[in-house]
Amino acid sequence: MTADFGKGFTVANLKNMSRFYLTFPNGYALRSELSWTHYRLLMRVENKDAWLFYTEEATKSQ
């Protein structure tokens, strides 16, 4: 894929992209204040209440 689309398509990144799609299927619910790094960390949080807390805190502190 790198030859066709450029850098960033490593196996690890593709797994993260797939996990992101499965975790956040509704693209409209995404927050523009959060970066890819924020979302990669949030995908690891299994507890829904903790996930909501961390999402709000990350958004507040940018």
PDB file of N, CA and C in Angstrom:
ATOM      1  N   MET A   1       0.809  -1.194   0.000  1.00  0.00           N
ATOM      2  CA  MET A   1       0.000   0.000   0.000  1.00  0.00           C
ATOM      3  C   MET A   1       0.854   1.261   0.000  1.00  0.00           C
ATOM      4  N   THR A   2       2.039   1.164   0.573  1.00  0.00           N
ATOM      5  CA  THR A   2       2.903   2.340   0.631  1.00  0.00           C
ATOM      6  C   THR A   2       3.221   2.847  -0.770  1.00  0.00           C
ATOM      7  N   ALA A   3       3.444   1.929  -1.698  1.00  0.00           N
ATOM      8  CA  ALA A   3       3.748   2.340  -3.074  1.00  0.00           C
ATOM      9  C   ALA A   3       2.566   3.075  -3.702  1.00  0.00           C
ATOM     10  N   ASP A   4       1.372   2.668  -3.373  1.00  0.00           N
ATOM     11  CA  ASP A   4       0.183   3.284  -3.965  1.00  0.00           C
ATOM     12  C   ASP A   4      -0.265   4.559  -3.244  1.00  0.00           C
ATOM     13  N   PHE A   5      -0.154   4.578  -1.915  1.00  0.00           N
ATOM     14  CA  PHE A   5      -0.734   5.675  -1.146  1.00  0.00           C
ATOM     15  C   PHE A   5       0.255   6.485  -0.321  1.00  0.00           C
ATOM     16  N   GLY A   6       1.504   6.071  -0.260  1.00  0.00           N
ATOM     17  CA  GLY A   6       2.499   6.800   0.525  1.00  0.00           C
ATOM     18  C   GLY A   6       2.721   6.186   1.899  1.00  0.00           C
ATOM     19  N   LYS A   7       3.443   6.919   2.729  1.00  0.00           N
ATOM     20  CA  LYS A   7       3.808   6.423   4.058  1.00  0.00           C
ATOM     21  C   LYS A   7       2.600   6.325   4.972  1.00  0.00           C
ATOM     22  N   GLY A   8       2.759   5.570   6.061  1.00  0.00           N
ATOM     23  CA  GLY A   8       1.730   5.492   7.089  1.00  0.00           C
ATOM     24  C   GLY A   8       0.868   4.249   7.030  1.00  0.00           C
ATOM     25  N   PHE A   9       1.171   3.334   6.133  1.00  0.00           N
ATOM     26  CA  PHE A   9       0.336   2.140   5.996  1.00  0.00           C
ATOM     27  C   PHE A   9       1.083   0.889   6.459  1.00  0.00           C
ATOM     28  N   THR A  10       1.676   0.995   7.648  1.00  0.00           N
ATOM     29  CA  THR A  10       2.334  -0.165   8.231  1.00  0.00           C
ATOM     30  C   THR A  10       1.264  -1.111   8.768  1.00  0.00           C
ATOM     31  N   VAL A  11       1.658  -2.310   9.102  1.00  0.00           N
ATOM     32  CA  VAL A  11       0.719  -3.283   9.656  1.00  0.00           C
ATOM     33  C   VAL A  11       0.109  -2.741  10.952  1.00  0.00           C
ATOM     34  N   ALA A  12       0.936  -2.153  11.798  1.00  0.00           N
ATOM     35  CA  ALA A  12       0.437  -1.601  13.069  1.00  0.00           C
ATOM     36  C   ALA A  12      -0.573  -0.483  12.820  1.00  0.00           C
ATOM     37  N   ASN A  13      -0.282   0.395  11.882  1.00  0.00           N
ATOM     38  CA  ASN A  13      -1.203   1.492  11.588  1.00  0.00           C
ATOM     39  C   ASN A  13      -2.508   0.984  10.991  1.00  0.00           C
ATOM     40  N   LEU A  14      -2.437  -0.008  10.136  1.00  0.00           N
ATOM     41  CA  LEU A  14      -3.656  -0.573   9.559  1.00  0.00           C
ATOM     42  C   LEU A  14      -4.521  -1.223  10.633  1.00  0.00           C
ATOM     43  N   LYS A  15      -3.883  -1.872  11.596  1.00  0.00           N
ATOM     44  CA  LYS A  15      -4.635  -2.458  12.712  1.00  0.00           C
ATOM     45  C   LYS A  15      -5.310  -1.360  13.528  1.00  0.00           C
ATOM     46  N   ASN A  16      -4.578  -0.262  13.775  1.00  0.00           N
ATOM     47  CA  ASN A  16      -5.166   0.862  14.512  1.00  0.00           C
ATOM     48  C   ASN A  16      -6.330   1.477  13.742  1.00  0.00           C
ATOM     49  N   MET A  17      -6.192   1.606  12.443  1.00  0.00           N
ATOM     50  CA  MET A  17      -7.268   2.170  11.623  1.00  0.00           C
ATOM     51  C   MET A  17      -8.511   1.277  11.666  1.00  0.00           C
ATOM     52  N   SER A  18      -8.296  -0.018  11.596  1.00  0.00           N
ATOM     53  CA  SER A  18      -9.405  -0.967  11.657  1.00  0.00           C
ATOM     54  C   SER A  18     -10.090  -0.908  13.023  1.00  0.00           C
ATOM     55  N   ARG A  19      -9.293  -0.884  14.069  1.00  0.00           N
ATOM     56  CA  ARG A  19      -9.837  -0.812  15.427  1.00  0.00           C
ATOM     57  C   ARG A  19     -10.598   0.502  15.626  1.00  0.00           C
ATOM     58  N   PHE A  20     -10.068   1.591  15.079  1.00  0.00           N
ATOM     59  CA  PHE A  20     -10.732   2.889  15.159  1.00  0.00           C
ATOM     60  C   PHE A  20     -12.105   2.818  14.507  1.00  0.00           C
ATOM     61  N   TYR A  21     -12.179   2.240  13.333  1.00  0.00           N
ATOM     62  CA  TYR A  21     -13.452   2.124  12.617  1.00  0.00           C
ATOM     63  C   TYR A  21     -14.462   1.302  13.416  1.00  0.00           C
ATOM     64  N   LEU A  22     -14.004   0.236  14.032  1.00  0.00           N
ATOM     65  CA  LEU A  22     -14.898  -0.616  14.810  1.00  0.00           C
ATOM     66  C   LEU A  22     -15.317   0.045  16.124  1.00  0.00           C
ATOM     67  N   THR A  23     -14.432   0.856  16.695  1.00  0.00           N
ATOM     68  CA  THR A  23     -14.725   1.520  17.967  1.00  0.00           C
ATOM     69  C   THR A  23     -15.594   2.753  17.776  1.00  0.00           C
ATOM     70  N   PHE A  24     -15.360   3.481  16.693  1.00  0.00           N
ATOM     71  CA  PHE A  24     -16.091   4.729  16.417  1.00  0.00           C
ATOM     72  C   PHE A  24     -16.759   4.649  15.047  1.00  0.00           C
ATOM     73  N   PRO A  25     -17.783   3.802  14.886  1.00  0.00           N
ATOM     74  CA  PRO A  25     -18.383   3.629  13.559  1.00  0.00           C
ATOM     75  C   PRO A  25     -19.135   4.857  13.067  1.00  0.00           C
ATOM     76  N   ASN A  26     -19.575   5.708  13.968  1.00  0.00           N
ATOM     77  CA  ASN A  26     -20.311   6.905  13.580  1.00  0.00           C
ATOM     78  C   ASN A  26     -19.338   8.080  13.503  1.00  0.00           C
ATOM     79  N   GLY A  27     -18.848   8.377  12.324  1.00  0.00           N
ATOM     80  CA  GLY A  27     -17.860   9.432  12.140  1.00  0.00           C
ATOM     81  C   GLY A  27     -18.316  10.798  12.603  1.00  0.00           C
ATOM     82  N   TYR A  28     -19.625  11.026  12.637  1.00  0.00           N
ATOM     83  CA  TYR A  28     -20.131  12.326  13.052  1.00  0.00           C
ATOM     84  C   TYR A  28     -19.991  12.547  14.554  1.00  0.00           C
ATOM     85  N   ALA A  29     -19.755  11.500  15.311  1.00  0.00           N
ATOM     86  CA  ALA A  29     -19.617  11.628  16.757  1.00  0.00           C
ATOM     87  C   ALA A  29     -18.186  11.986  17.161  1.00  0.00           C
ATOM     88  N   LEU A  30     -17.290  12.074  16.201  1.00  0.00           N
ATOM     89  CA  LEU A  30     -15.900  12.377  16.513  1.00  0.00           C
ATOM     90  C   LEU A  30     -15.732  13.844  16.874  1.00  0.00           C
ATOM     91  N   ARG A  31     -14.750  14.114  17.701  1.00  0.00           N
ATOM     92  CA  ARG A  31     -14.491  15.479  18.150  1.00  0.00           C
ATOM     93  C   ARG A  31     -13.260  16.026  17.437  1.00  0.00           C
ATOM     94  N   SER A  32     -13.399  17.184  16.859  1.00  0.00           N
ATOM     95  CA  SER A  32     -12.287  17.783  16.124  1.00  0.00           C
ATOM     96  C   SER A  32     -11.156  18.219  17.051  1.00  0.00           C
ATOM     97  N   GLU A  33     -11.433  18.371  18.344  1.00  0.00           N
ATOM     98  CA  GLU A  33     -10.397  18.782  19.296  1.00  0.00           C
ATOM     99  C   GLU A  33      -9.411  17.657  19.601  1.00  0.00           C
ATOM    100  N   LEU A  34      -9.794  16.432  19.288  1.00  0.00           N
ATOM    101  CA  LEU A  34      -8.945  15.288  19.611  1.00  0.00           C
ATOM    102  C   LEU A  34      -8.138  14.857  18.392  1.00  0.00           C
ATOM    103  N   SER A  35      -6.906  14.490  18.645  1.00  0.00           N
ATOM    104  CA  SER A  35      -6.001  14.064  17.575  1.00  0.00           C
ATOM    105  C   SER A  35      -6.046  12.538  17.412  1.00  0.00           C
ATOM    106  N   TRP A  36      -5.369  12.058  16.406  1.00  0.00           N
ATOM    107  CA  TRP A  36      -5.245  10.625  16.171  1.00  0.00           C
ATOM    108  C   TRP A  36      -4.618   9.959  17.392  1.00  0.00           C
ATOM    109  N   THR A  37      -3.651  10.618  18.015  1.00  0.00           N
ATOM    110  CA  THR A  37      -2.999  10.070  19.206  1.00  0.00           C
ATOM    111  C   THR A  37      -4.006   9.922  20.346  1.00  0.00           C
ATOM    112  N   HIS A  38      -4.862  10.927  20.535  1.00  0.00           N
ATOM    113  CA  HIS A  38      -5.904  10.820  21.564  1.00  0.00           C
ATOM    114  C   HIS A  38      -6.784   9.597  21.303  1.00  0.00           C
ATOM    115  N   TYR A  39      -7.224   9.465  20.069  1.00  0.00           N
ATOM    116  CA  TYR A  39      -8.120   8.351  19.742  1.00  0.00           C
ATOM    117  C   TYR A  39      -7.422   7.006  19.887  1.00  0.00           C
ATOM    118  N   ARG A  40      -6.139   6.927  19.551  1.00  0.00           N
ATOM    119  CA  ARG A  40      -5.419   5.666  19.730  1.00  0.00           C
ATOM    120  C   ARG A  40      -5.373   5.276  21.201  1.00  0.00           C
ATOM    121  N   LEU A  41      -5.188   6.265  22.082  1.00  0.00           N
ATOM    122  CA  LEU A  41      -5.180   5.978  23.519  1.00  0.00           C
ATOM    123  C   LEU A  41      -6.578   5.650  24.029  1.00  0.00           C
ATOM    124  N   LEU A  42      -7.583   6.376  23.569  1.00  0.00           N
ATOM    125  CA  LEU A  42      -8.956   6.128  24.015  1.00  0.00           C
ATOM    126  C   LEU A  42      -9.456   4.747  23.597  1.00  0.00           C
ATOM    127  N   MET A  43      -8.977   4.235  22.475  1.00  0.00           N
ATOM    128  CA  MET A  43      -9.417   2.912  22.020  1.00  0.00           C
ATOM    129  C   MET A  43      -9.008   1.811  22.989  1.00  0.00           C
ATOM    130  N   ARG A  44      -8.024   2.084  23.822  1.00  0.00           N
ATOM    131  CA  ARG A  44      -7.549   1.087  24.791  1.00  0.00           C
ATOM    132  C   ARG A  44      -8.386   1.044  26.064  1.00  0.00           C
ATOM    133  N   VAL A  45      -9.181   2.080  26.304  1.00  0.00           N
ATOM    134  CA  VAL A  45      -9.987   2.166  27.528  1.00  0.00           C
ATOM    135  C   VAL A  45     -11.245   1.320  27.351  1.00  0.00           C
ATOM    136  N   GLU A  46     -11.410   0.322  28.186  1.00  0.00           N
ATOM    137  CA  GLU A  46     -12.533  -0.606  28.047  1.00  0.00           C
ATOM    138  C   GLU A  46     -13.769  -0.167  28.836  1.00  0.00           C
ATOM    139  N   ASN A  47     -13.574   0.510  29.951  1.00  0.00           N
ATOM    140  CA  ASN A  47     -14.682   0.940  30.790  1.00  0.00           C
ATOM    141  C   ASN A  47     -15.346   2.165  30.164  1.00  0.00           C
ATOM    142  N   LYS A  48     -16.645   2.070  29.883  1.00  0.00           N
ATOM    143  CA  LYS A  48     -17.374   3.146  29.199  1.00  0.00           C
ATOM    144  C   LYS A  48     -17.353   4.450  29.999  1.00  0.00           C
ATOM    145  N   ASP A  49     -17.550   4.379  31.318  1.00  0.00           N
ATOM    146  CA  ASP A  49     -17.525   5.588  32.145  1.00  0.00           C
ATOM    147  C   ASP A  49     -16.147   6.246  32.118  1.00  0.00           C
ATOM    148  N   ALA A  50     -15.116   5.439  32.218  1.00  0.00           N
ATOM    149  CA  ALA A  50     -13.753   5.968  32.161  1.00  0.00           C
ATOM    150  C   ALA A  50     -13.483   6.573  30.790  1.00  0.00           C
ATOM    151  N   TRP A  51     -13.966   5.909  29.754  1.00  0.00           N
ATOM    152  CA  TRP A  51     -13.780   6.409  28.397  1.00  0.00           C
ATOM    153  C   TRP A  51     -14.427   7.786  28.233  1.00  0.00           C
ATOM    154  N   LEU A  52     -15.653   7.952  28.730  1.00  0.00           N
ATOM    155  CA  LEU A  52     -16.336   9.244  28.648  1.00  0.00           C
ATOM    156  C   LEU A  52     -15.585  10.316  29.440  1.00  0.00           C
ATOM    157  N   PHE A  53     -15.110   9.963  30.625  1.00  0.00           N
ATOM    158  CA  PHE A  53     -14.347  10.899  31.447  1.00  0.00           C
ATOM    159  C   PHE A  53     -13.090  11.366  30.712  1.00  0.00           C
ATOM    160  N   TYR A  54     -12.302  10.419  30.209  1.00  0.00           N
ATOM    161  CA  TYR A  54     -11.062  10.771  29.518  1.00  0.00           C
ATOM    162  C   TYR A  54     -11.322  11.563  28.239  1.00  0.00           C
ATOM    163  N   THR A  55     -12.402  11.264  27.555  1.00  0.00           N
ATOM    164  CA  THR A  55     -12.745  12.011  26.349  1.00  0.00           C
ATOM    165  C   THR A  55     -13.040  13.465  26.693  1.00  0.00           C
ATOM    166  N   GLU A  56     -13.822  13.676  27.750  1.00  0.00           N
ATOM    167  CA  GLU A  56     -14.142  15.047  28.180  1.00  0.00           C
ATOM    168  C   GLU A  56     -12.903  15.793  28.651  1.00  0.00           C
ATOM    169  N   GLU A  57     -12.067  15.125  29.423  1.00  0.00           N
ATOM    170  CA  GLU A  57     -10.856  15.769  29.931  1.00  0.00           C
ATOM    171  C   GLU A  57      -9.887  16.118  28.807  1.00  0.00           C
ATOM    172  N   ALA A  58      -9.727  15.231  27.858  1.00  0.00           N
ATOM    173  CA  ALA A  58      -8.839  15.499  26.730  1.00  0.00           C
ATOM    174  C   ALA A  58      -9.363  16.655  25.882  1.00  0.00           C
ATOM    175  N   THR A  59     -10.670  16.724  25.733  1.00  0.00           N
ATOM    176  CA  THR A  59     -11.279  17.809  24.970  1.00  0.00           C
ATOM    177  C   THR A  59     -11.109  19.142  25.688  1.00  0.00           C
ATOM    178  N   LYS A  60     -11.307  19.150  27.003  1.00  0.00           N
ATOM    179  CA  LYS A  60     -11.168  20.390  27.782  1.00  0.00           C
ATOM    180  C   LYS A  60      -9.750  20.925  27.746  1.00  0.00           C
ATOM    181  N   SER A  61      -8.784  20.027  27.914  1.00  0.00           N
ATOM    182  CA  SER A  61      -7.389  20.465  28.000  1.00  0.00           C
ATOM    183  C   SER A  61      -6.678  20.550  26.657  1.00  0.00           C
ATOM    184  N   GLN A  62      -7.345  20.096  25.617  1.00  0.00           N
ATOM    185  CA  GLN A  62      -6.812  20.117  24.256  1.00  0.00           C
ATOM    186  C   GLN A  62      -5.434  19.518  24.210  1.00  0.00           C
TER     187      GLN A  62
END
